[in-house]
Every structure is written in structure tokens, then in C-alpha cells.
Amino acid sequence: MKEVPIGISLSVTPKFLDKDTVYITIEAQRSFLEMQSQAVGFTAFSQTAKTTVSATAVLKFRGSLIFIGLSEVTRDTSNSGVPLVKDLPGVKYFFSRDESLETKKSILIFLTPKKS
């Protein structure tokens, strides 16, 4: 059995410039399983993919940073219809249906530095 690290990690490093301002370095990383075939089950996943984004910003305390960049778009297609008839030339258009589905996922990180 092999451990596969997946999920989201976030690293924030502040540097205080003065009593009201902070310089922030932020790095976010997303690791996920990538599907290699349409077969159902865990064996259909054979590799992981990783996305990393980073940024720097100068913020006033109580100011907010919205960090976007860990996005994913997936496209799935399916075909259904009456068995055997859906494969016949000419009439297959009356007895089958093709569908496409596009899914967009984004992770938003809101960061607001505050004095304690």
C-alpha cells in the first residue's frame, strides 16, 4: 500500500513593515487524483496532478486579499440510447442521445491580516 498525498496546502509568510502594514508571501498547492480511464473503481486512477500558485502583497491590517488560481475544468461526454438501434446508420439519431458536461471548480482564499 502506497500513501498518496492529496489535498490543499497553504503557506503564508508575513513580514511586518510598520504598525499598520504587512508584506505577505502566500503559496497554495492543490494535489489531486487524475482519472486515466472511464472504468469505475480506484484502479482507474493512476497518477496525481499538482497545481501551485504563489503571490506577494502589501496589505494594511484589516484589508483583505482574495487569492484565486487553483482552478480546474473537467469535460465528460456520454452516449445513451436503444441497444442495437442506436448503432444503425440513419436511424441512430432518433434512438440515441449524446450529452456533454463541463464542470468548473475554483478555490478562493480570503486573507485578512488582523492585530491581536
PDB file of N, CA and C in Angstrom:
ATOM      1  N   MET A   1       0.841  -1.165   0.000  1.00  0.00           N
ATOM      2  CA  MET A   1       0.000   0.000   0.000  1.00  0.00           C
ATOM      3  C   MET A   1       0.890   1.233   0.000  1.00  0.00           C
ATOM      4  N   LYS A   2       0.575   2.176  -0.863  1.00  0.00           N
ATOM      5  CA  LYS A   2       1.379   3.381  -1.003  1.00  0.00           C
ATOM      6  C   LYS A   2       0.549   4.594  -0.593  1.00  0.00           C
ATOM      7  N   GLU A   3       1.119   5.445   0.241  1.00  0.00           N
ATOM      8  CA  GLU A   3       0.436   6.658   0.663  1.00  0.00           C
ATOM      9  C   GLU A   3       0.583   7.713  -0.428  1.00  0.00           C
ATOM     10  N   VAL A   4      -0.546   8.329  -0.805  1.00  0.00           N
ATOM     11  CA  VAL A   4      -0.551   9.346  -1.852  1.00  0.00           C
ATOM     12  C   VAL A   4      -1.043  10.655  -1.236  1.00  0.00           C
ATOM     13  N   PRO A   5      -0.163  11.666  -1.155  1.00  0.00           N
ATOM     14  CA  PRO A   5      -0.594  12.937  -0.553  1.00  0.00           C
ATOM     15  C   PRO A   5      -1.464  13.740  -1.517  1.00  0.00           C
ATOM     16  N   ILE A   6      -2.721  13.961  -1.139  1.00  0.00           N
ATOM     17  CA  ILE A   6      -3.623  14.779  -1.944  1.00  0.00           C
ATOM     18  C   ILE A   6      -4.319  15.772  -1.029  1.00  0.00           C
ATOM     19  N   GLY A   7      -4.779  16.865  -1.606  1.00  0.00           N
ATOM     20  CA  GLY A   7      -5.481  17.882  -0.835  1.00  0.00           C
ATOM     21  C   GLY A   7      -4.911  19.260  -1.131  1.00  0.00           C
ATOM     22  N   ILE A   8      -5.135  20.178  -0.202  1.00  0.00           N
ATOM     23  CA  ILE A   8      -4.717  21.568  -0.370  1.00  0.00           C
ATOM     24  C   ILE A   8      -3.770  21.942   0.768  1.00  0.00           C
ATOM     25  N   SER A   9      -2.682  22.599   0.418  1.00  0.00           N
ATOM     26  CA  SER A   9      -1.786  23.138   1.445  1.00  0.00           C
ATOM     27  C   SER A   9      -1.640  24.636   1.214  1.00  0.00           C
ATOM     28  N   LEU A  10      -1.473  25.374   2.299  1.00  0.00           N
ATOM     29  CA  LEU A  10      -1.379  26.829   2.235  1.00  0.00           C
ATOM     30  C   LEU A  10      -0.228  27.281   3.111  1.00  0.00           C
ATOM     31  N   SER A  11       0.616  28.134   2.565  1.00  0.00           N
ATOM     32  CA  SER A  11       1.743  28.693   3.312  1.00  0.00           C
ATOM     33  C   SER A  11       1.663  30.211   3.229  1.00  0.00           C
ATOM     34  N   VAL A  12       1.642  30.866   4.385  1.00  0.00           N
ATOM     35  CA  VAL A  12       1.588  32.327   4.448  1.00  0.00           C
ATOM     36  C   VAL A  12       2.746  32.806   5.309  1.00  0.00           C
ATOM     37  N   THR A  13       3.567  33.707   4.750  1.00  0.00           N
ATOM     38  CA  THR A  13       4.701  34.260   5.486  1.00  0.00           C
ATOM     39  C   THR A  13       4.543  35.776   5.563  1.00  0.00           C
ATOM     40  N   PRO A  14       4.301  36.299   6.773  1.00  0.00           N
ATOM     41  CA  PRO A  14       4.158  37.752   6.911  1.00  0.00           C
ATOM     42  C   PRO A  14       5.498  38.414   7.268  1.00  0.00           C
ATOM     43  N   LYS A  15       5.658  39.648   6.829  1.00  0.00           N
ATOM     44  CA  LYS A  15       6.790  40.480   7.238  1.00  0.00           C
ATOM     45  C   LYS A  15       6.196  41.844   7.562  1.00  0.00           C
ATOM     46  N   PHE A  16       6.338  42.251   8.819  1.00  0.00           N
ATOM     47  CA  PHE A  16       5.717  43.485   9.277  1.00  0.00           C
ATOM     48  C   PHE A  16       6.565  44.679   8.859  1.00  0.00           C
ATOM     49  N   LEU A  17       5.976  45.577   8.059  1.00  0.00           N
ATOM     50  CA  LEU A  17       6.698  46.747   7.558  1.00  0.00           C
ATOM     51  C   LEU A  17       6.618  47.914   8.528  1.00  0.00           C
ATOM     52  N   ASP A  18       5.461  48.117   9.114  1.00  0.00           N
ATOM     53  CA  ASP A  18       5.262  49.114  10.163  1.00  0.00           C
ATOM     54  C   ASP A  18       4.053  48.691  10.981  1.00  0.00           C
ATOM     55  N   LYS A  19       3.562  49.558  11.848  1.00  0.00           N
ATOM     56  CA  LYS A  19       2.464  49.152  12.743  1.00  0.00           C
ATOM     57  C   LYS A  19       1.134  48.924  12.036  1.00  0.00           C
ATOM     58  N   ASP A  20       0.999  49.386  10.793  1.00  0.00           N
ATOM     59  CA  ASP A  20      -0.274  49.232  10.073  1.00  0.00           C
ATOM     60  C   ASP A  20      -0.164  48.437   8.773  1.00  0.00           C
ATOM     61  N   THR A  21       1.047  48.022   8.405  1.00  0.00           N
ATOM     62  CA  THR A  21       1.253  47.411   7.092  1.00  0.00           C
ATOM     63  C   THR A  21       2.033  46.107   7.217  1.00  0.00           C
ATOM     64  N   VAL A  22       1.628  45.125   6.424  1.00  0.00           N
ATOM     65  CA  VAL A  22       2.301  43.822   6.418  1.00  0.00           C
ATOM     66  C   VAL A  22       2.556  43.395   4.961  1.00  0.00           C
ATOM     67  N   TYR A  23       3.732  42.837   4.727  1.00  0.00           N
ATOM     68  CA  TYR A  23       4.116  42.275   3.431  1.00  0.00           C
ATOM     69  C   TYR A  23       3.890  40.774   3.545  1.00  0.00           C
ATOM     70  N   ILE A  24       3.088  40.216   2.652  1.00  0.00           N
ATOM     71  CA  ILE A  24       2.692  38.812   2.757  1.00  0.00           C
ATOM     72  C   ILE A  24       3.156  38.042   1.519  1.00  0.00           C
ATOM     73  N   THR A  25       3.768  36.903   1.762  1.00  0.00           N
ATOM     74  CA  THR A  25       4.070  35.945   0.704  1.00  0.00           C
ATOM     75  C   THR A  25       3.150  34.754   0.930  1.00  0.00           C
ATOM     76  N   ILE A  26       2.410  34.379  -0.105  1.00  0.00           N
ATOM     77  CA  ILE A  26       1.440  33.292   0.025  1.00  0.00           C
ATOM     78  C   ILE A  26       1.689  32.269  -1.085  1.00  0.00           C
ATOM     79  N   GLU A  27       1.622  30.997  -0.717  1.00  0.00           N
ATOM     80  CA  GLU A  27       1.739  29.913  -1.693  1.00  0.00           C
ATOM     81  C   GLU A  27       0.658  28.882  -1.382  1.00  0.00           C
ATOM     82  N   ALA A  28      -0.100  28.515  -2.398  1.00  0.00           N
ATOM     83  CA  ALA A  28      -1.144  27.498  -2.255  1.00  0.00           C
ATOM     84  C   ALA A  28      -0.859  26.375  -3.244  1.00  0.00           C
ATOM     85  N   GLN A  29      -1.110  25.164  -2.796  1.00  0.00           N
ATOM     86  CA  GLN A  29      -0.851  23.994  -3.625  1.00  0.00           C
ATOM     87  C   GLN A  29      -2.029  23.038  -3.522  1.00  0.00           C
ATOM     88  N   ARG A  30      -2.427  22.506  -4.670  1.00  0.00           N
ATOM     89  CA  ARG A  30      -3.538  21.545  -4.714  1.00  0.00           C
ATOM     90  C   ARG A  30      -3.047  20.293  -5.421  1.00  0.00           C
ATOM     91  N   SER A  31      -3.158  19.156  -4.754  1.00  0.00           N
ATOM     92  CA  SER A  31      -2.808  17.860  -5.338  1.00  0.00           C
ATOM     93  C   SER A  31      -4.075  17.024  -5.407  1.00  0.00           C
ATOM     94  N   PHE A  32      -4.279  16.337  -6.535  1.00  0.00           N
ATOM     95  CA  PHE A  32      -5.497  15.547  -6.693  1.00  0.00           C
ATOM     96  C   PHE A  32      -5.227  14.332  -7.566  1.00  0.00           C
ATOM     97  N   LEU A  33      -6.101  13.350  -7.457  1.00  0.00           N
ATOM     98  CA  LEU A  33      -6.010  12.153  -8.297  1.00  0.00           C
ATOM     99  C   LEU A  33      -6.512  12.487  -9.689  1.00  0.00           C
ATOM    100  N   GLU A  34      -5.808  12.017 -10.688  1.00  0.00           N
ATOM    101  CA  GLU A  34      -6.186  12.280 -12.066  1.00  0.00           C
ATOM    102  C   GLU A  34      -6.695  10.989 -12.700  1.00  0.00           C
ATOM    103  N   MET A  35      -7.895  11.041 -13.264  1.00  0.00           N
ATOM    104  CA  MET A  35      -8.505   9.848 -13.859  1.00  0.00           C
ATOM    105  C   MET A  35      -7.853   9.535 -15.196  1.00  0.00           C
ATOM    106  N   GLN A  36      -7.497   8.286 -15.396  1.00  0.00           N
ATOM    107  CA  GLN A  36      -6.845   7.873 -16.633  1.00  0.00           C
ATOM    108  C   GLN A  36      -7.765   7.093 -17.561  1.00  0.00           C
ATOM    109  N   SER A  37      -8.892   6.587 -17.046  1.00  0.00           N
ATOM    110  CA  SER A  37      -9.816   5.850 -17.901  1.00  0.00           C
ATOM    111  C   SER A  37     -11.232   6.038 -17.391  1.00  0.00           C
ATOM    112  N   GLN A  38     -12.193   5.614 -18.164  1.00  0.00           N
ATOM    113  CA  GLN A  38     -13.590   5.731 -17.778  1.00  0.00           C
ATOM    114  C   GLN A  38     -14.045   4.573 -16.902  1.00  0.00           C
ATOM    115  N   ALA A  39     -13.161   3.617 -16.626  1.00  0.00           N
ATOM    116  CA  ALA A  39     -13.521   2.468 -15.789  1.00  0.00           C
ATOM    117  C   ALA A  39     -13.850   2.950 -14.378  1.00  0.00           C
ATOM    118  N   VAL A  40     -14.794   2.280 -13.771  1.00  0.00           N
ATOM    119  CA  VAL A  40     -15.207   2.654 -12.422  1.00  0.00           C
ATOM    120  C   VAL A  40     -14.328   1.925 -11.417  1.00  0.00           C
ATOM    121  N   GLY A  41     -13.960   2.622 -10.366  1.00  0.00           N
ATOM    122  CA  GLY A  41     -13.161   1.996  -9.313  1.00  0.00           C
ATOM    123  C   GLY A  41     -11.861   2.726  -9.091  1.00  0.00           C
ATOM    124  N   PHE A  42     -11.216   2.402  -7.995  1.00  0.00           N
ATOM    125  CA  PHE A  42      -9.982   3.087  -7.619  1.00  0.00           C
ATOM    126  C   PHE A  42      -8.854   2.810  -8.606  1.00  0.00           C
ATOM    127  N   THR A  43      -8.858   1.670  -9.271  1.00  0.00           N
ATOM    128  CA  THR A  43      -7.778   1.335 -10.191  1.00  0.00           C
ATOM    129  C   THR A  43      -7.795   2.226 -11.434  1.00  0.00           C
ATOM    130  N   ALA A  44      -8.880   2.972 -11.661  1.00  0.00           N
ATOM    131  CA  ALA A  44      -8.935   3.878 -12.805  1.00  0.00           C
ATOM    132  C   ALA A  44      -8.012   5.085 -12.598  1.00  0.00           C
ATOM    133  N   PHE A  45      -7.627   5.364 -11.359  1.00  0.00           N
ATOM    134  CA  PHE A  45      -6.745   6.476 -11.062  1.00  0.00           C
ATOM    135  C   PHE A  45      -5.310   5.964 -11.026  1.00  0.00           C
ATOM    136  N   SER A  46      -4.451   6.525 -11.866  1.00  0.00           N
ATOM    137  CA  SER A  46      -3.095   6.011 -11.887  1.00  0.00           C
ATOM    138  C   SER A  46      -2.035   7.060 -11.609  1.00  0.00           C
ATOM    139  N   GLN A  47      -2.416   8.317 -11.476  1.00  0.00           N
ATOM    140  CA  GLN A  47      -1.418   9.331 -11.174  1.00  0.00           C
ATOM    141  C   GLN A  47      -2.053  10.512 -10.462  1.00  0.00           C
ATOM    142  N   THR A  48      -1.212  11.328  -9.866  1.00  0.00           N
ATOM    143  CA  THR A  48      -1.687  12.542  -9.225  1.00  0.00           C
ATOM    144  C   THR A  48      -1.218  13.740 -10.033  1.00  0.00           C
ATOM    145  N   ALA A  49      -1.946  14.819  -9.906  1.00  0.00           N
ATOM    146  CA  ALA A  49      -1.575  16.075 -10.547  1.00  0.00           C
ATOM    147  C   ALA A  49      -1.451  17.135  -9.463  1.00  0.00           C
ATOM    148  N   LYS A  50      -0.602  18.113  -9.713  1.00  0.00           N
ATOM    149  CA  LYS A  50      -0.352  19.135  -8.704  1.00  0.00           C
ATOM    150  C   LYS A  50      -0.351  20.504  -9.373  1.00  0.00           C
ATOM    151  N   THR A  51      -1.016  21.460  -8.723  1.00  0.00           N
ATOM    152  CA  THR A  51      -1.036  22.844  -9.169  1.00  0.00           C
ATOM    153  C   THR A  51      -0.525  23.706  -8.020  1.00  0.00           C
ATOM    154  N   THR A  52       0.402  24.607  -8.326  1.00  0.00           N
ATOM    155  CA  THR A  52       0.951  25.505  -7.312  1.00  0.00           C
ATOM    156  C   THR A  52       0.862  26.934  -7.821  1.00  0.00           C
ATOM    157  N   VAL A  53       0.384  27.829  -6.959  1.00  0.00           N
ATOM    158  CA  VAL A  53       0.351  29.258  -7.278  1.00  0.00           C
ATOM    159  C   VAL A  53       0.928  30.021  -6.102  1.00  0.00           C
ATOM    160  N   SER A  54       1.558  31.149  -6.403  1.00  0.00           N
ATOM    161  CA  SER A  54       2.123  31.963  -5.338  1.00  0.00           C
ATOM    162  C   SER A  54       1.987  33.434  -5.696  1.00  0.00           C
ATOM    163  N   ALA A  55       2.037  34.274  -4.659  1.00  0.00           N
ATOM    164  CA  ALA A  55       1.910  35.716  -4.857  1.00  0.00           C
ATOM    165  C   ALA A  55       2.486  36.437  -3.652  1.00  0.00           C
ATOM    166  N   THR A  56       2.741  37.712  -3.843  1.00  0.00           N
ATOM    167  CA  THR A  56       3.136  38.582  -2.736  1.00  0.00           C
ATOM    168  C   THR A  56       2.224  39.792  -2.763  1.00  0.00           C
ATOM    169  N   ALA A  57       2.016  40.372  -1.593  1.00  0.00           N
ATOM    170  CA  ALA A  57       1.144  41.545  -1.498  1.00  0.00           C
ATOM    171  C   ALA A  57       1.523  42.377  -0.282  1.00  0.00           C
ATOM    172  N   VAL A  58       1.258  43.657  -0.374  1.00  0.00           N
ATOM    173  CA  VAL A  58       1.408  44.556   0.762  1.00  0.00           C
ATOM    174  C   VAL A  58       0.002  44.961   1.171  1.00  0.00           C
ATOM    175  N   LEU A  59      -0.350  44.682   2.434  1.00  0.00           N
ATOM    176  CA  LEU A  59      -1.707  44.944   2.918  1.00  0.00           C
ATOM    177  C   LEU A  59      -1.683  45.786   4.182  1.00  0.00           C
ATOM    178  N   LYS A  60      -2.697  46.579   4.331  1.00  0.00           N
ATOM    179  CA  LYS A  60      -2.960  47.247   5.604  1.00  0.00           C
ATOM    180  C   LYS A  60      -3.701  46.239   6.479  1.00  0.00           C
ATOM    181  N   PHE A  61      -3.528  46.350   7.792  1.00  0.00           N
ATOM    182  CA  PHE A  61      -4.291  45.487   8.690  1.00  0.00           C
ATOM    183  C   PHE A  61      -5.772  45.737   8.477  1.00  0.00           C
ATOM    184  N   ARG A  62      -6.533  44.674   8.508  1.00  0.00           N
ATOM    185  CA  ARG A  62      -7.976  44.644   8.233  1.00  0.00           C
ATOM    186  C   ARG A  62      -8.301  44.786   6.756  1.00  0.00           C
ATOM    187  N   GLY A  63      -7.296  44.929   5.899  1.00  0.00           N
ATOM    188  CA  GLY A  63      -7.507  44.882   4.451  1.00  0.00           C
ATOM    189  C   GLY A  63      -7.594  43.420   4.048  1.00  0.00           C
ATOM    190  N   SER A  64      -8.171  43.134   2.916  1.00  0.00           N
ATOM    191  CA  SER A  64      -8.351  41.736   2.502  1.00  0.00           C
ATOM    192  C   SER A  64      -7.681  41.457   1.164  1.00  0.00           C
ATOM    193  N   LEU A  65      -7.198  40.233   1.035  1.00  0.00           N
ATOM    194  CA  LEU A  65      -6.621  39.729  -0.204  1.00  0.00           C
ATOM    195  C   LEU A  65      -7.459  38.539  -0.641  1.00  0.00           C
ATOM    196  N   ILE A  66      -7.899  38.553  -1.882  1.00  0.00           N
ATOM    197  CA  ILE A  66      -8.620  37.410  -2.446  1.00  0.00           C
ATOM    198  C   ILE A  66      -7.647  36.730  -3.398  1.00  0.00           C
ATOM    199  N   PHE A  67      -7.342  35.478  -3.110  1.00  0.00           N
ATOM    200  CA  PHE A  67      -6.330  34.729  -3.841  1.00  0.00           C
ATOM    201  C   PHE A  67      -7.024  33.657  -4.661  1.00  0.00           C
ATOM    202  N   ILE A  68      -6.916  33.750  -5.981  1.00  0.00           N
ATOM    203  CA  ILE A  68      -7.566  32.808  -6.894  1.00  0.00           C
ATOM    204  C   ILE A  68      -6.488  32.208  -7.792  1.00  0.00           C
ATOM    205  N   GLY A  69      -6.621  30.977  -8.162  1.00  0.00           N
ATOM    206  CA  GLY A  69      -5.652  30.401  -9.074  1.00  0.00           C
ATOM    207  C   GLY A  69      -5.663  28.889  -9.117  1.00  0.00           C
ATOM    208  N   LEU A  70      -6.259  28.257  -8.132  1.00  0.00           N
ATOM    209  CA  LEU A  70      -6.336  26.796  -8.125  1.00  0.00           C
ATOM    210  C   LEU A  70      -7.660  26.392  -8.764  1.00  0.00           C
ATOM    211  N   SER A  71      -7.685  26.414 -10.083  1.00  0.00           N
ATOM    212  CA  SER A  71      -8.914  26.130 -10.826  1.00  0.00           C
ATOM    213  C   SER A  71      -8.758  24.854 -11.636  1.00  0.00           C
ATOM    214  N   GLU A  72      -9.905  24.252 -11.937  1.00  0.00           N
ATOM    215  CA  GLU A  72      -9.918  23.002 -12.697  1.00  0.00           C
ATOM    216  C   GLU A  72     -11.171  22.981 -13.570  1.00  0.00           C
ATOM    217  N   VAL A  73     -11.011  22.539 -14.807  1.00  0.00           N
ATOM    218  CA  VAL A  73     -12.140  22.364 -15.728  1.00  0.00           C
ATOM    219  C   VAL A  73     -12.138  20.906 -16.175  1.00  0.00           C
ATOM    220  N   THR A  74     -13.278  20.225 -16.020  1.00  0.00           N
ATOM    221  CA  THR A  74     -13.408  18.846 -16.491  1.00  0.00           C
ATOM    222  C   THR A  74     -14.540  18.769 -17.504  1.00  0.00           C
ATOM    223  N   ARG A  75     -14.350  17.915 -18.481  1.00  0.00           N
ATOM    224  CA  ARG A  75     -15.372  17.701 -19.505  1.00  0.00           C
ATOM    225  C   ARG A  75     -15.678  16.213 -19.593  1.00  0.00           C
ATOM    226  N   ASP A  76     -16.953  15.881 -19.518  1.00  0.00           N
ATOM    227  CA  ASP A  76     -17.397  14.490 -19.616  1.00  0.00           C
ATOM    228  C   ASP A  76     -18.421  14.383 -20.743  1.00  0.00           C
ATOM    229  N   THR A  77     -18.351  13.304 -21.483  1.00  0.00           N
ATOM    230  CA  THR A  77     -19.329  13.042 -22.532  1.00  0.00           C
ATOM    231  C   THR A  77     -19.935  11.665 -22.310  1.00  0.00           C
ATOM    232  N   SER A  78     -21.175  11.516 -22.674  1.00  0.00           N
ATOM    233  CA  SER A  78     -21.839  10.219 -22.556  1.00  0.00           C
ATOM    234  C   SER A  78     -22.761  10.008 -23.742  1.00  0.00           C
ATOM    235  N   ASN A  79     -23.025   8.752 -24.028  1.00  0.00           N
ATOM    236  CA  ASN A  79     -23.902   8.370 -25.124  1.00  0.00           C
ATOM    237  C   ASN A  79     -24.874   7.331 -24.593  1.00  0.00           C
ATOM    238  N   SER A  80     -26.160   7.551 -24.833  1.00  0.00           N
ATOM    239  CA  SER A  80     -27.163   6.580 -24.395  1.00  0.00           C
ATOM    240  C   SER A  80     -28.163   6.371 -25.535  1.00  0.00           C
ATOM    241  N   GLY A  81     -28.900   5.281 -25.454  1.00  0.00           N
ATOM    242  CA  GLY A  81     -29.903   5.010 -26.479  1.00  0.00           C
ATOM    243  C   GLY A  81     -30.381   3.572 -26.441  1.00  0.00           C
ATOM    244  N   VAL A  82     -31.219   3.243 -27.391  1.00  0.00           N
ATOM    245  CA  VAL A  82     -31.787   1.901 -27.503  1.00  0.00           C
ATOM    246  C   VAL A  82     -30.693   0.963 -28.014  1.00  0.00           C
ATOM    247  N   PRO A  83     -30.422  -0.126 -27.281  1.00  0.00           N
ATOM    248  CA  PRO A  83     -29.371  -1.050 -27.723  1.00  0.00           C
ATOM    249  C   PRO A  83     -29.600  -1.530 -29.160  1.00  0.00           C
ATOM    250  N   LEU A  84     -28.547  -1.705 -29.888  1.00  0.00           N
ATOM    251  CA  LEU A  84     -28.504  -2.143 -31.285  1.00  0.00           C
ATOM    252  C   LEU A  84     -29.035  -1.078 -32.240  1.00  0.00           C
ATOM    253  N   VAL A  85     -30.198  -0.491 -31.947  1.00  0.00           N
ATOM    254  CA  VAL A  85     -30.793   0.506 -32.844  1.00  0.00           C
ATOM    255  C   VAL A  85     -29.959   1.785 -32.847  1.00  0.00           C
ATOM    256  N   LYS A  86     -29.366   2.128 -31.710  1.00  0.00           N
ATOM    257  CA  LYS A  86     -28.587   3.367 -31.632  1.00  0.00           C
ATOM    258  C   LYS A  86     -27.310   3.308 -32.480  1.00  0.00           C
ATOM    259  N   ASP A  87     -26.940   2.121 -32.950  1.00  0.00           N
ATOM    260  CA  ASP A  87     -25.741   1.968 -33.765  1.00  0.00           C
ATOM    261  C   ASP A  87     -26.027   1.875 -35.260  1.00  0.00           C
ATOM    262  N   LEU A  88     -27.298   1.864 -35.653  1.00  0.00           N
ATOM    263  CA  LEU A  88     -27.656   1.759 -37.069  1.00  0.00           C
ATOM    264  C   LEU A  88     -27.533   3.120 -37.758  1.00  0.00           C
ATOM    265  N   PRO A  89     -26.875   3.145 -38.917  1.00  0.00           N
ATOM    266  CA  PRO A  89     -26.758   4.415 -39.651  1.00  0.00           C
ATOM    267  C   PRO A  89     -28.134   4.946 -40.050  1.00  0.00           C
ATOM    268  N   GLY A  90     -28.285   6.246 -39.998  1.00  0.00           N
ATOM    269  CA  GLY A  90     -29.542   6.869 -40.410  1.00  0.00           C
ATOM    270  C   GLY A  90     -30.558   6.987 -39.288  1.00  0.00           C
ATOM    271  N   VAL A  91     -30.913   5.876 -38.635  1.00  0.00           N
ATOM    272  CA  VAL A  91     -31.944   5.915 -37.588  1.00  0.00           C
ATOM    273  C   VAL A  91     -31.342   6.146 -36.194  1.00  0.00           C
ATOM    274  N   LYS A  92     -30.043   6.071 -36.092  1.00  0.00           N
ATOM    275  CA  LYS A  92     -29.424   6.223 -34.770  1.00  0.00           C
ATOM    276  C   LYS A  92     -29.698   7.602 -34.157  1.00  0.00           C
ATOM    277  N   TYR A  93     -29.946   8.601 -35.010  1.00  0.00           N
ATOM    278  CA  TYR A  93     -30.201   9.947 -34.499  1.00  0.00           C
ATOM    279  C   TYR A  93     -31.551  10.057 -33.797  1.00  0.00           C
ATOM    280  N   PHE A  94     -32.472   9.146 -34.095  1.00  0.00           N
ATOM    281  CA  PHE A  94     -33.783   9.152 -33.456  1.00  0.00           C
ATOM    282  C   PHE A  94     -33.815   8.302 -32.185  1.00  0.00           C
ATOM    283  N   PHE A  95     -32.832   7.429 -32.009  1.00  0.00           N
ATOM    284  CA  PHE A  95     -32.850   6.483 -30.894  1.00  0.00           C
ATOM    285  C   PHE A  95     -31.633   6.581 -29.978  1.00  0.00           C
ATOM    286  N   SER A  96     -30.907   7.668 -30.058  1.00  0.00           N
ATOM    287  CA  SER A  96     -29.743   7.839 -29.182  1.00  0.00           C
ATOM    288  C   SER A  96     -29.597   9.305 -28.770  1.00  0.00           C
ATOM    289  N   ARG A  97     -28.775   9.503 -27.761  1.00  0.00           N
ATOM    290  CA  ARG A  97     -28.557  10.866 -27.273  1.00  0.00           C
ATOM    291  C   ARG A  97     -27.118  11.004 -26.790  1.00  0.00           C
ATOM    292  N   ASP A  98     -26.449  12.056 -27.242  1.00  0.00           N
ATOM    293  CA  ASP A  98     -25.106  12.390 -26.780  1.00  0.00           C
ATOM    294  C   ASP A  98     -25.208  13.586 -25.839  1.00  0.00           C
ATOM    295  N   GLU A  99     -24.503  13.501 -24.731  1.00  0.00           N
ATOM    296  CA  GLU A  99     -24.515  14.599 -23.768  1.00  0.00           C
ATOM    297  C   GLU A  99     -23.088  14.972 -23.392  1.00  0.00           C
ATOM    298  N   SER A 100     -22.870  16.263 -23.179  1.00  0.00           N
ATOM    299  CA  SER A 100     -21.581  16.765 -22.722  1.00  0.00           C
ATOM    300  C   SER A 100     -21.811  17.584 -21.456  1.00  0.00           C
ATOM    301  N   LEU A 101     -20.902  17.424 -20.507  1.00  0.00           N
ATOM    302  CA  LEU A 101     -20.994  18.155 -19.246  1.00  0.00           C
ATOM    303  C   LEU A 101     -19.639  18.774 -18.953  1.00  0.00           C
ATOM    304  N   GLU A 102     -19.632  20.077 -18.729  1.00  0.00           N
ATOM    305  CA  GLU A 102     -18.401  20.778 -18.371  1.00  0.00           C
ATOM    306  C   GLU A 102     -18.547  21.294 -16.948  1.00  0.00           C
ATOM    307  N   THR A 103     -17.580  20.973 -16.108  1.00  0.00           N
ATOM    308  CA  THR A 103     -17.605  21.383 -14.716  1.00  0.00           C
ATOM    309  C   THR A 103     -16.384  22.253 -14.431  1.00  0.00           C
ATOM    310  N   LYS A 104     -16.611  23.393 -13.815  1.00  0.00           N
ATOM    311  CA  LYS A 104     -15.518  24.297 -13.443  1.00  0.00           C
ATOM    312  C   LYS A 104     -15.477  24.410 -11.928  1.00  0.00           C
ATOM    313  N   LYS A 105     -14.282  24.208 -11.364  1.00  0.00           N
ATOM    314  CA  LYS A 105     -14.097  24.313  -9.920  1.00  0.00           C
ATOM    315  C   LYS A 105     -12.976  25.313  -9.655  1.00  0.00           C
ATOM    316  N   SER A 106     -13.189  26.182  -8.686  1.00  0.00           N
ATOM    317  CA  SER A 106     -12.165  27.149  -8.294  1.00  0.00           C
ATOM    318  C   SER A 106     -12.098  27.225  -6.786  1.00  0.00           C
ATOM    319  N   ILE A 107     -10.888  27.421  -6.290  1.00  0.00           N
ATOM    320  CA  ILE A 107     -10.682  27.594  -4.862  1.00  0.00           C
ATOM    321  C   ILE A 107     -10.341  29.057  -4.627  1.00  0.00           C
ATOM    322  N   LEU A 108     -11.096  29.707  -3.767  1.00  0.00           N
ATOM    323  CA  LEU A 108     -10.853  31.093  -3.403  1.00  0.00           C
ATOM    324  C   LEU A 108     -10.309  31.124  -1.980  1.00  0.00           C
ATOM    325  N   ILE A 109      -9.254  31.888  -1.772  1.00  0.00           N
ATOM    326  CA  ILE A 109      -8.667  32.043  -0.446  1.00  0.00           C
ATOM    327  C   ILE A 109      -8.789  33.503  -0.066  1.00  0.00           C
ATOM    328  N   PHE A 110      -9.453  33.784   1.042  1.00  0.00           N
ATOM    329  CA  PHE A 110      -9.606  35.133   1.552  1.00  0.00           C
ATOM    330  C   PHE A 110      -8.657  35.301   2.734  1.00  0.00           C
ATOM    331  N   LEU A 111      -7.802  36.308   2.669  1.00  0.00           N
ATOM    332  CA  LEU A 111      -6.806  36.514   3.709  1.00  0.00           C
ATOM    333  C   LEU A 111      -6.942  37.943   4.229  1.00  0.00           C
ATOM    334  N   THR A 112      -7.186  38.087   5.528  1.00  0.00           N
ATOM    335  CA  THR A 112      -7.323  39.389   6.168  1.00  0.00           C
ATOM    336  C   THR A 112      -6.414  39.447   7.387  1.00  0.00           C
ATOM    337  N   PRO A 113      -5.304  40.191   7.318  1.00  0.00           N
ATOM    338  CA  PRO A 113      -4.438  40.300   8.497  1.00  0.00           C
ATOM    339  C   PRO A 113      -5.075  41.170   9.579  1.00  0.00           C
ATOM    340  N   LYS A 114      -4.968  40.694  10.832  1.00  0.00           N
ATOM    341  CA  LYS A 114      -5.528  41.440  11.971  1.00  0.00           C
ATOM    342  C   LYS A 114      -4.495  41.491  13.078  1.00  0.00           C
ATOM    343  N   LYS A 115      -4.541  42.555  13.850  1.00  0.00           N
ATOM    344  CA  LYS A 115      -3.682  42.677  15.030  1.00  0.00           C
ATOM    345  C   LYS A 115      -4.349  41.925  16.163  1.00  0.00           C
ATOM    346  N   SER A 116      -3.527  41.281  16.991  1.00  0.00           N
ATOM    347  CA  SER A 116      -4.130  40.582  18.122  1.00  0.00           C
ATOM    348  C   SER A 116      -4.017  41.362  19.401  1.00  0.00           C
TER     349      SER A 116
END
